[in-house]
């Protein structure tokens, strides 16, 4: 089983900066990936939420299994507000603000007239997209890769709500190994840190088990090995080397990227808080 550990030095600094900012914060707006609603939960956030309001946004809903997302939302603990959305969708803004306002209404009256929120989440989960959608214009940097936001930025959203965007952070020990794999497949870890073969084999095994028939359009069956499916995918995409051999590395990277873009279908990697 592949073990992924990725904890750059700037994440330690970011943790300290966030902890120093908490005294100014009334609510925590935690952005998670709807495909991995539990695996994308940083365990330190529960400590940050003590004595504060807590809103959980399951972003990238358009890429996730809708039945699993609905089950997740319907069974969510009542200690925090939760909603699923796609931050880039134009109609997400009103729902996002409503979710924040519902939690703000539970705060002491003196904190409701001007509320300070902290937006947190793992890398590449869409925090900056969320804030840009709330604000109605691009005010934070956005890119489909981890590590773009590198400092805290206070942003005025409404007359009564100010939020601070924070860089994406992970935690030092990604255990069990499947946790690191799910985070990597969701794009929270930089590509140069990944074992593409191990990730691709895990993804294919998972998809054929939980979403049978996904690879049938390629001429594959659910009993084909991960390697044979990689070969079919590479041939289908024209990833060929001299002599007609498949460029396996290119094929595996493209297959993972296809999952990240939703081209394999709406697939969730978490089935329950305990994992798959």
C-alpha atoms as a PDB file:
ATOM      1  CA  UNK A   1       0.000   0.000   0.000  1.00  0.00           C
ATOM      2  CA  UNK A   2       1.346   3.422  -0.967  1.00  0.00           C
ATOM      3  CA  UNK A   3       1.953   5.868   1.893  1.00  0.00           C
ATOM      4  CA  UNK A   4       1.789   9.574   1.092  1.00  0.00           C
ATOM      5  CA  UNK A   5       3.267  12.193   3.363  1.00  0.00           C
ATOM      6  CA  UNK A   6       3.308  15.815   2.255  1.00  0.00           C
ATOM      7  CA  UNK A   7       3.617  18.602   4.784  1.00  0.00           C
ATOM      8  CA  UNK A   8       5.636  21.572   3.440  1.00  0.00           C
ATOM      9  CA  UNK A   9       7.213  23.958   5.921  1.00  0.00           C
ATOM     10  CA  UNK A  10       4.856  26.792   5.037  1.00  0.00           C
ATOM     11  CA  UNK A  11       1.934  24.746   6.403  1.00  0.00           C
ATOM     12  CA  UNK A  12       3.445  24.836   9.892  1.00  0.00           C
ATOM     13  CA  UNK A  13       3.732  28.608   9.614  1.00  0.00           C
ATOM     14  CA  UNK A  14       0.158  28.868   8.334  1.00  0.00           C
ATOM     15  CA  UNK A  15      -1.135  26.821  11.274  1.00  0.00           C
ATOM     16  CA  UNK A  16       0.511  29.208  13.703  1.00  0.00           C
ATOM     17  CA  UNK A  17      -0.834  32.253  11.865  1.00  0.00           C
ATOM     18  CA  UNK A  18      -4.364  30.848  11.869  1.00  0.00           C
ATOM     19  CA  UNK A  19      -4.218  30.027  15.569  1.00  0.00           C
ATOM     20  CA  UNK A  20      -3.132  33.608  16.278  1.00  0.00           C
ATOM     21  CA  UNK A  21      -6.084  34.884  14.217  1.00  0.00           C
ATOM     22  CA  UNK A  22      -8.715  32.763  15.992  1.00  0.00           C
ATOM     23  CA  UNK A  23      -9.263  35.303  18.767  1.00  0.00           C
ATOM     24  CA  UNK A  24     -10.717  37.672  16.150  1.00  0.00           C
ATOM     25  CA  UNK A  25     -12.984  35.024  14.592  1.00  0.00           C
ATOM     26  CA  UNK A  26     -16.645  34.291  15.396  1.00  0.00           C
ATOM     27  CA  UNK A  27     -17.376  31.524  12.877  1.00  0.00           C
ATOM     28  CA  UNK A  28     -15.320  28.909  11.053  1.00  0.00           C
ATOM     29  CA  UNK A  29     -16.321  28.351   7.420  1.00  0.00           C
ATOM     30  CA  UNK A  30     -14.824  24.980   6.592  1.00  0.00           C
ATOM     31  CA  UNK A  31     -14.681  24.016   2.915  1.00  0.00           C
ATOM     32  CA  UNK A  32     -14.464  20.310   2.159  1.00  0.00           C
ATOM     33  CA  UNK A  33     -14.453  18.308  -1.060  1.00  0.00           C
ATOM     34  CA  UNK A  34     -17.898  16.752  -1.621  1.00  0.00           C
ATOM     35  CA  UNK A  35     -16.235  13.648  -3.089  1.00  0.00           C
ATOM     36  CA  UNK A  36     -14.380  13.077   0.193  1.00  0.00           C
ATOM     37  CA  UNK A  37     -16.469  14.891   2.827  1.00  0.00           C
ATOM     38  CA  UNK A  38     -14.817  13.103   5.754  1.00  0.00           C
ATOM     39  CA  UNK A  39     -11.341  12.539   4.353  1.00  0.00           C
ATOM     40  CA  UNK A  40     -11.015  16.263   3.568  1.00  0.00           C
ATOM     41  CA  UNK A  41     -11.707  17.237   7.199  1.00  0.00           C
ATOM     42  CA  UNK A  42      -8.584  18.584   8.885  1.00  0.00           C
ATOM     43  CA  UNK A  43      -8.690  17.171  12.458  1.00  0.00           C
ATOM     44  CA  UNK A  44      -7.410  20.430  14.000  1.00  0.00           C
ATOM     45  CA  UNK A  45     -10.485  22.358  12.802  1.00  0.00           C
ATOM     46  CA  UNK A  46     -12.642  20.809  15.537  1.00  0.00           C
ATOM     47  CA  UNK A  47     -10.364  22.475  18.089  1.00  0.00           C
ATOM     48  CA  UNK A  48     -10.565  25.812  16.275  1.00  0.00           C
ATOM     49  CA  UNK A  49     -14.387  25.620  16.365  1.00  0.00           C
ATOM     50  CA  UNK A  50     -14.710  25.514  20.146  1.00  0.00           C
ATOM     51  CA  UNK A  51     -16.938  28.368  21.241  1.00  0.00           C
ATOM     52  CA  UNK A  52     -17.499  29.506  17.658  1.00  0.00           C
ATOM     53  CA  UNK A  53     -20.061  28.948  14.926  1.00  0.00           C
ATOM     54  CA  UNK A  54     -19.219  26.274  12.354  1.00  0.00           C
ATOM     55  CA  UNK A  55     -20.350  26.089   8.728  1.00  0.00           C
ATOM     56  CA  UNK A  56     -19.302  23.168   6.513  1.00  0.00           C
ATOM     57  CA  UNK A  57     -19.425  23.701   2.753  1.00  0.00           C
ATOM     58  CA  UNK A  58     -19.184  20.552   0.624  1.00  0.00           C
ATOM     59  CA  UNK A  59     -17.720  22.049  -2.535  1.00  0.00           C
ATOM     60  CA  UNK A  60     -17.383  20.439  -5.990  1.00  0.00           C
ATOM     61  CA  UNK A  61     -20.833  18.913  -5.579  1.00  0.00           C
ATOM     62  CA  UNK A  62     -21.096  18.666  -9.383  1.00  0.00           C
ATOM     63  CA  UNK A  63     -18.263  16.092  -9.384  1.00  0.00           C
ATOM     64  CA  UNK A  64     -19.555  13.930  -6.524  1.00  0.00           C
ATOM     65  CA  UNK A  65     -22.051  11.074  -6.358  1.00  0.00           C
ATOM     66  CA  UNK A  66     -25.350  12.917  -5.671  1.00  0.00           C
ATOM     67  CA  UNK A  67     -26.824  10.087  -3.592  1.00  0.00           C
ATOM     68  CA  UNK A  68     -23.807   9.952  -1.310  1.00  0.00           C
ATOM     69  CA  UNK A  69     -23.761  13.733  -0.950  1.00  0.00           C
ATOM     70  CA  UNK A  70     -27.462  13.777  -0.045  1.00  0.00           C
ATOM     71  CA  UNK A  71     -26.952  11.030   2.542  1.00  0.00           C
ATOM     72  CA  UNK A  72     -23.997  12.914   3.999  1.00  0.00           C
ATOM     73  CA  UNK A  73     -25.968  16.159   4.331  1.00  0.00           C
ATOM     74  CA  UNK A  74     -29.050  14.419   5.780  1.00  0.00           C
ATOM     75  CA  UNK A  75     -27.055  12.604   8.460  1.00  0.00           C
ATOM     76  CA  UNK A  76     -24.729  15.470   9.361  1.00  0.00           C
ATOM     77  CA  UNK A  77     -24.243  16.166  13.100  1.00  0.00           C
ATOM     78  CA  UNK A  78     -26.467  18.984  14.315  1.00  0.00           C
ATOM     79  CA  UNK A  79     -23.504  20.776  15.905  1.00  0.00           C
ATOM     80  CA  UNK A  80     -22.712  22.604  12.654  1.00  0.00           C
ATOM     81  CA  UNK A  81     -24.459  23.879   9.557  1.00  0.00           C
ATOM     82  CA  UNK A  82     -23.759  22.030   6.308  1.00  0.00           C
ATOM     83  CA  UNK A  83     -24.564  22.509   2.648  1.00  0.00           C
ATOM     84  CA  UNK A  84     -23.373  21.103  -0.670  1.00  0.00           C
ATOM     85  CA  UNK A  85     -22.614  23.346  -3.603  1.00  0.00           C
ATOM     86  CA  UNK A  86     -20.363  24.097  -6.524  1.00  0.00           C
ATOM     87  CA  UNK A  87     -18.648  27.367  -5.672  1.00  0.00           C
ATOM     88  CA  UNK A  88     -18.413  28.458  -9.307  1.00  0.00           C
ATOM     89  CA  UNK A  89     -22.161  28.118  -9.903  1.00  0.00           C
ATOM     90  CA  UNK A  90     -23.881  31.537 -10.113  1.00  0.00           C
ATOM     91  CA  UNK A  91     -26.794  30.443  -7.917  1.00  0.00           C
ATOM     92  CA  UNK A  92     -24.505  29.244  -5.140  1.00  0.00           C
ATOM     93  CA  UNK A  93     -24.058  32.725  -3.676  1.00  0.00           C
ATOM     94  CA  UNK A  94     -27.473  33.100  -2.036  1.00  0.00           C
ATOM     95  CA  UNK A  95     -27.324  29.602  -0.528  1.00  0.00           C
ATOM     96  CA  UNK A  96     -23.821  30.159   0.786  1.00  0.00           C
ATOM     97  CA  UNK A  97     -24.716  33.434   2.465  1.00  0.00           C
ATOM     98  CA  UNK A  98     -27.897  31.884   3.895  1.00  0.00           C
ATOM     99  CA  UNK A  99     -25.879  29.026   5.411  1.00  0.00           C
ATOM    100  CA  UNK A 100     -23.530  31.509   7.053  1.00  0.00           C
ATOM    101  CA  UNK A 101     -26.403  33.686   8.305  1.00  0.00           C
ATOM    102  CA  UNK A 102     -28.169  30.687   9.858  1.00  0.00           C
ATOM    103  CA  UNK A 103     -25.101  29.960  11.971  1.00  0.00           C
ATOM    104  CA  UNK A 104     -24.498  33.647  12.736  1.00  0.00           C
ATOM    105  CA  UNK A 105     -28.049  33.813  14.150  1.00  0.00           C
ATOM    106  CA  UNK A 106     -26.989  31.382  16.874  1.00  0.00           C
ATOM    107  CA  UNK A 107     -24.183  33.657  18.084  1.00  0.00           C
ATOM    108  CA  UNK A 108     -24.517  36.136  20.949  1.00  0.00           C
ATOM    109  CA  UNK A 109     -26.288  39.334  19.755  1.00  0.00           C
ATOM    110  CA  UNK A 110     -23.172  41.484  20.145  1.00  0.00           C
ATOM    111  CA  UNK A 111     -21.369  39.305  17.560  1.00  0.00           C
ATOM    112  CA  UNK A 112     -24.199  39.306  15.025  1.00  0.00           C
ATOM    113  CA  UNK A 113     -23.989  42.945  14.002  1.00  0.00           C
ATOM    114  CA  UNK A 114     -20.437  42.447  12.746  1.00  0.00           C
ATOM    115  CA  UNK A 115     -19.231  38.891  12.320  1.00  0.00           C
ATOM    116  CA  UNK A 116     -15.718  37.732  11.469  1.00  0.00           C
ATOM    117  CA  UNK A 117     -15.340  34.399   9.720  1.00  0.00           C
ATOM    118  CA  UNK A 118     -12.308  32.257   8.930  1.00  0.00           C
ATOM    119  CA  UNK A 119     -12.373  30.194   5.714  1.00  0.00           C
ATOM    120  CA  UNK A 120     -10.307  27.016   6.066  1.00  0.00           C
ATOM    121  CA  UNK A 121      -9.806  23.808   4.126  1.00  0.00           C
ATOM    122  CA  UNK A 122      -7.329  21.482   2.487  1.00  0.00           C
ATOM    123  CA  UNK A 123      -5.338  22.653  -0.564  1.00  0.00           C
ATOM    124  CA  UNK A 124      -7.200  22.965  -3.866  1.00  0.00           C
ATOM    125  CA  UNK A 125     -10.639  22.488  -2.301  1.00  0.00           C
ATOM    126  CA  UNK A 126     -12.032  25.750  -3.731  1.00  0.00           C
ATOM    127  CA  UNK A 127     -11.844  28.218  -0.828  1.00  0.00           C
ATOM    128  CA  UNK A 128     -10.831  31.143  -3.027  1.00  0.00           C
ATOM    129  CA  UNK A 129     -13.532  30.269  -5.572  1.00  0.00           C
ATOM    130  CA  UNK A 130     -16.040  30.306  -2.735  1.00  0.00           C
ATOM    131  CA  UNK A 131     -15.010  33.763  -1.564  1.00  0.00           C
ATOM    132  CA  UNK A 132     -14.939  35.146  -5.098  1.00  0.00           C
ATOM    133  CA  UNK A 133     -18.478  33.843  -5.611  1.00  0.00           C
ATOM    134  CA  UNK A 134     -19.681  35.417  -2.375  1.00  0.00           C
ATOM    135  CA  UNK A 135     -18.064  38.724  -3.224  1.00  0.00           C
ATOM    136  CA  UNK A 136     -19.270  38.689  -6.829  1.00  0.00           C
ATOM    137  CA  UNK A 137     -15.874  39.338  -8.354  1.00  0.00           C
ATOM    138  CA  UNK A 138     -12.377  37.874  -8.394  1.00  0.00           C
ATOM    139  CA  UNK A 139     -10.532  39.178  -5.350  1.00  0.00           C
ATOM    140  CA  UNK A 140      -8.440  36.120  -4.501  1.00  0.00           C
ATOM    141  CA  UNK A 141      -6.143  34.037  -6.668  1.00  0.00           C
ATOM    142  CA  UNK A 142      -7.663  30.846  -8.052  1.00  0.00           C
ATOM    143  CA  UNK A 143      -5.947  27.896  -9.728  1.00  0.00           C
ATOM    144  CA  UNK A 144      -6.604  24.174 -10.094  1.00  0.00           C
ATOM    145  CA  UNK A 145      -3.553  23.199  -8.072  1.00  0.00           C
ATOM    146  CA  UNK A 146      -2.621  23.208  -4.376  1.00  0.00           C
ATOM    147  CA  UNK A 147      -0.565  25.965  -2.785  1.00  0.00           C
ATOM    148  CA  UNK A 148      -1.865  29.091  -4.580  1.00  0.00           C
ATOM    149  CA  UNK A 149      -3.100  31.098  -1.576  1.00  0.00           C
ATOM    150  CA  UNK A 150      -0.042  31.716   0.614  1.00  0.00           C
ATOM    151  CA  UNK A 151      -1.166  34.300   3.191  1.00  0.00           C
ATOM    152  CA  UNK A 152      -4.204  35.455   5.184  1.00  0.00           C
ATOM    153  CA  UNK A 153      -6.441  38.000   3.444  1.00  0.00           C
ATOM    154  CA  UNK A 154      -9.314  39.828   5.211  1.00  0.00           C
ATOM    155  CA  UNK A 155     -12.219  40.382   2.826  1.00  0.00           C
ATOM    156  CA  UNK A 156     -15.407  42.433   3.238  1.00  0.00           C
ATOM    157  CA  UNK A 157     -18.339  40.301   2.023  1.00  0.00           C
ATOM    158  CA  UNK A 158     -21.387  42.087   3.418  1.00  0.00           C
ATOM    159  CA  UNK A 159     -22.031  44.967   5.795  1.00  0.00           C
ATOM    160  CA  UNK A 160     -22.082  42.531   8.699  1.00  0.00           C
ATOM    161  CA  UNK A 161     -19.768  39.727   7.541  1.00  0.00           C
ATOM    162  CA  UNK A 162     -16.010  39.924   7.057  1.00  0.00           C
ATOM    163  CA  UNK A 163     -13.979  36.801   6.334  1.00  0.00           C
ATOM    164  CA  UNK A 164     -10.334  35.916   6.120  1.00  0.00           C
ATOM    165  CA  UNK A 165      -9.153  33.491   3.456  1.00  0.00           C
ATOM    166  CA  UNK A 166      -6.370  31.129   4.485  1.00  0.00           C
ATOM    167  CA  UNK A 167      -3.972  28.893   2.558  1.00  0.00           C
ATOM    168  CA  UNK A 168      -4.893  25.238   2.254  1.00  0.00           C
ATOM    169  CA  UNK A 169      -3.324  23.077   4.923  1.00  0.00           C
ATOM    170  CA  UNK A 170      -2.988  19.363   5.533  1.00  0.00           C
ATOM    171  CA  UNK A 171      -1.840  17.608   8.683  1.00  0.00           C
ATOM    172  CA  UNK A 172       1.495  15.867   9.250  1.00  0.00           C
ATOM    173  CA  UNK A 173       0.376  12.235   9.428  1.00  0.00           C
ATOM    174  CA  UNK A 174      -2.045  10.990   6.776  1.00  0.00           C
ATOM    175  CA  UNK A 175      -3.215   7.758   8.324  1.00  0.00           C
ATOM    176  CA  UNK A 176      -4.561   5.267   7.289  1.00  0.00           C
ATOM    177  CA  UNK A 177      -2.825   5.105   3.874  1.00  0.00           C
ATOM    178  CA  UNK A 178      -6.167   5.303   2.040  1.00  0.00           C
ATOM    179  CA  UNK A 179      -6.610   8.793   3.462  1.00  0.00           C
ATOM    180  CA  UNK A 180      -3.506  10.064   1.686  1.00  0.00           C
ATOM    181  CA  UNK A 181      -4.589   8.345  -1.517  1.00  0.00           C
ATOM    182  CA  UNK A 182      -8.012  10.021  -1.479  1.00  0.00           C
ATOM    183  CA  UNK A 183      -6.489  13.446  -0.801  1.00  0.00           C
ATOM    184  CA  UNK A 184      -4.014  12.926  -3.612  1.00  0.00           C
ATOM    185  CA  UNK A 185      -6.696  11.838  -6.080  1.00  0.00           C
ATOM    186  CA  UNK A 186      -8.783  14.886  -5.147  1.00  0.00           C
ATOM    187  CA  UNK A 187      -5.837  17.142  -6.038  1.00  0.00           C
ATOM    188  CA  UNK A 188      -4.846  18.284  -2.539  1.00  0.00           C
ATOM    189  CA  UNK A 189      -1.226  17.143  -2.942  1.00  0.00           C
ATOM    190  CA  UNK A 190       1.189  18.401  -5.588  1.00  0.00           C
ATOM    191  CA  UNK A 191       1.702  15.952  -8.480  1.00  0.00           C
ATOM    192  CA  UNK A 192       5.471  15.666  -8.008  1.00  0.00           C
ATOM    193  CA  UNK A 193       4.816  14.015  -4.628  1.00  0.00           C
ATOM    194  CA  UNK A 194       2.678  11.224  -6.070  1.00  0.00           C
ATOM    195  CA  UNK A 195       3.174   7.593  -7.053  1.00  0.00           C
ATOM    196  CA  UNK A 196       0.905   7.657 -10.098  1.00  0.00           C
ATOM    197  CA  UNK A 197       0.956   3.893 -10.622  1.00  0.00           C
ATOM    198  CA  UNK A 198      -0.189   3.121  -7.082  1.00  0.00           C
ATOM    199  CA  UNK A 199      -2.829   5.864  -7.199  1.00  0.00           C
ATOM    200  CA  UNK A 200      -4.128   4.780 -10.586  1.00  0.00           C
ATOM    201  CA  UNK A 201      -4.385   1.119  -9.576  1.00  0.00           C
ATOM    202  CA  UNK A 202      -6.226   2.079  -6.372  1.00  0.00           C
ATOM    203  CA  UNK A 203      -8.628   4.332  -8.295  1.00  0.00           C
ATOM    204  CA  UNK A 204      -9.428   1.675 -10.893  1.00  0.00           C
ATOM    205  CA  UNK A 205     -10.004  -0.989  -8.235  1.00  0.00           C
ATOM    206  CA  UNK A 206     -12.264   1.385  -6.288  1.00  0.00           C
ATOM    207  CA  UNK A 207     -14.293   2.481  -9.320  1.00  0.00           C
ATOM    208  CA  UNK A 208     -14.846  -1.041 -10.664  1.00  0.00           C
ATOM    209  CA  UNK A 209     -16.038  -2.101  -7.192  1.00  0.00           C
ATOM    210  CA  UNK A 210     -18.296   0.865  -6.321  1.00  0.00           C
ATOM    211  CA  UNK A 211     -19.257   2.115  -9.802  1.00  0.00           C
ATOM    212  CA  UNK A 212     -19.349  -1.003 -12.009  1.00  0.00           C
ATOM    213  CA  UNK A 213     -19.626  -0.418 -15.714  1.00  0.00           C
ATOM    214  CA  UNK A 214     -17.640   2.834 -15.694  1.00  0.00           C
ATOM    215  CA  UNK A 215     -14.957   1.471 -18.014  1.00  0.00           C
ATOM    216  CA  UNK A 216     -17.263  -0.510 -20.329  1.00  0.00           C
ATOM    217  CA  UNK A 217     -17.336   2.293 -22.951  1.00  0.00           C
ATOM    218  CA  UNK A 218     -13.591   1.779 -23.357  1.00  0.00           C
ATOM    219  CA  UNK A 219     -14.060  -1.902 -24.155  1.00  0.00           C
ATOM    220  CA  UNK A 220     -13.136  -3.005 -20.628  1.00  0.00           C
ATOM    221  CA  UNK A 221     -15.078  -5.148 -18.182  1.00  0.00           C
ATOM    222  CA  UNK A 222     -15.251  -4.992 -14.403  1.00  0.00           C
ATOM    223  CA  UNK A 223     -13.035  -8.092 -14.227  1.00  0.00           C
ATOM    224  CA  UNK A 224     -10.167  -6.529 -16.191  1.00  0.00           C
ATOM    225  CA  UNK A 225      -7.009  -5.771 -14.237  1.00  0.00           C
ATOM    226  CA  UNK A 226      -5.975  -2.172 -13.546  1.00  0.00           C
ATOM    227  CA  UNK A 227      -3.012  -2.625 -15.875  1.00  0.00           C
ATOM    228  CA  UNK A 228      -5.192  -3.766 -18.788  1.00  0.00           C
ATOM    229  CA  UNK A 229      -7.503  -0.787 -18.243  1.00  0.00           C
ATOM    230  CA  UNK A 230      -4.510   1.581 -18.242  1.00  0.00           C
ATOM    231  CA  UNK A 231      -3.412   0.027 -21.529  1.00  0.00           C
ATOM    232  CA  UNK A 232      -6.910   0.457 -23.018  1.00  0.00           C
ATOM    233  CA  UNK A 233      -7.088   4.061 -21.805  1.00  0.00           C
ATOM    234  CA  UNK A 234      -3.642   4.857 -23.221  1.00  0.00           C
ATOM    235  CA  UNK A 235      -4.523   3.347 -26.582  1.00  0.00           C
ATOM    236  CA  UNK A 236      -7.875   5.156 -26.641  1.00  0.00           C
ATOM    237  CA  UNK A 237      -6.167   8.491 -25.976  1.00  0.00           C
ATOM    238  CA  UNK A 238      -3.329   7.858 -28.427  1.00  0.00           C
ATOM    239  CA  UNK A 239      -0.583   7.918 -25.790  1.00  0.00           C
ATOM    240  CA  UNK A 240       1.906   5.897 -27.804  1.00  0.00           C
ATOM    241  CA  UNK A 241       5.679   5.593 -27.731  1.00  0.00           C
ATOM    242  CA  UNK A 242       7.953   4.406 -30.509  1.00  0.00           C
ATOM    243  CA  UNK A 243       7.223   0.814 -31.391  1.00  0.00           C
ATOM    244  CA  UNK A 244       3.544   1.215 -30.563  1.00  0.00           C
ATOM    245  CA  UNK A 245       3.951   0.777 -26.805  1.00  0.00           C
ATOM    246  CA  UNK A 246       1.650   2.697 -24.466  1.00  0.00           C
ATOM    247  CA  UNK A 247       3.135   5.671 -22.621  1.00  0.00           C
ATOM    248  CA  UNK A 248       2.003   4.350 -19.229  1.00  0.00           C
ATOM    249  CA  UNK A 249       2.988   7.378 -17.167  1.00  0.00           C
ATOM    250  CA  UNK A 250       1.132   9.755 -19.454  1.00  0.00           C
ATOM    251  CA  UNK A 251      -1.880   7.437 -19.529  1.00  0.00           C
ATOM    252  CA  UNK A 252      -2.005   7.126 -15.730  1.00  0.00           C
ATOM    253  CA  UNK A 253      -1.690  10.888 -15.178  1.00  0.00           C
ATOM    254  CA  UNK A 254      -4.447  11.494 -17.730  1.00  0.00           C
ATOM    255  CA  UNK A 255      -6.727   8.918 -16.094  1.00  0.00           C
ATOM    256  CA  UNK A 256      -6.353  10.551 -12.679  1.00  0.00           C
ATOM    257  CA  UNK A 257      -6.926  13.964 -14.258  1.00  0.00           C
ATOM    258  CA  UNK A 258     -10.072  12.625 -15.946  1.00  0.00           C
ATOM    259  CA  UNK A 259     -11.401  11.574 -12.539  1.00  0.00           C
ATOM    260  CA  UNK A 260     -10.608  15.015 -11.092  1.00  0.00           C
ATOM    261  CA  UNK A 261     -12.535  16.704 -13.916  1.00  0.00           C
ATOM    262  CA  UNK A 262     -15.536  14.388 -13.536  1.00  0.00           C
ATOM    263  CA  UNK A 263     -14.990  12.755 -16.917  1.00  0.00           C
ATOM    264  CA  UNK A 264     -15.390   9.286 -15.408  1.00  0.00           C
ATOM    265  CA  UNK A 265     -18.752  10.277 -13.955  1.00  0.00           C
ATOM    266  CA  UNK A 266     -19.868  11.648 -10.579  1.00  0.00           C
ATOM    267  CA  UNK A 267     -17.765   9.531  -8.234  1.00  0.00           C
ATOM    268  CA  UNK A 268     -17.320   9.842  -4.470  1.00  0.00           C
ATOM    269  CA  UNK A 269     -14.410   8.213  -2.686  1.00  0.00           C
ATOM    270  CA  UNK A 270     -15.878   8.374   0.843  1.00  0.00           C
ATOM    271  CA  UNK A 271     -18.798   6.134   1.728  1.00  0.00           C
ATOM    272  CA  UNK A 272     -18.995   6.861   5.469  1.00  0.00           C
ATOM    273  CA  UNK A 273     -17.078   8.608   8.249  1.00  0.00           C
ATOM    274  CA  UNK A 274     -15.232   5.321   8.810  1.00  0.00           C
ATOM    275  CA  UNK A 275     -14.065   5.169   5.167  1.00  0.00           C
ATOM    276  CA  UNK A 276     -14.905   2.959   2.215  1.00  0.00           C
END
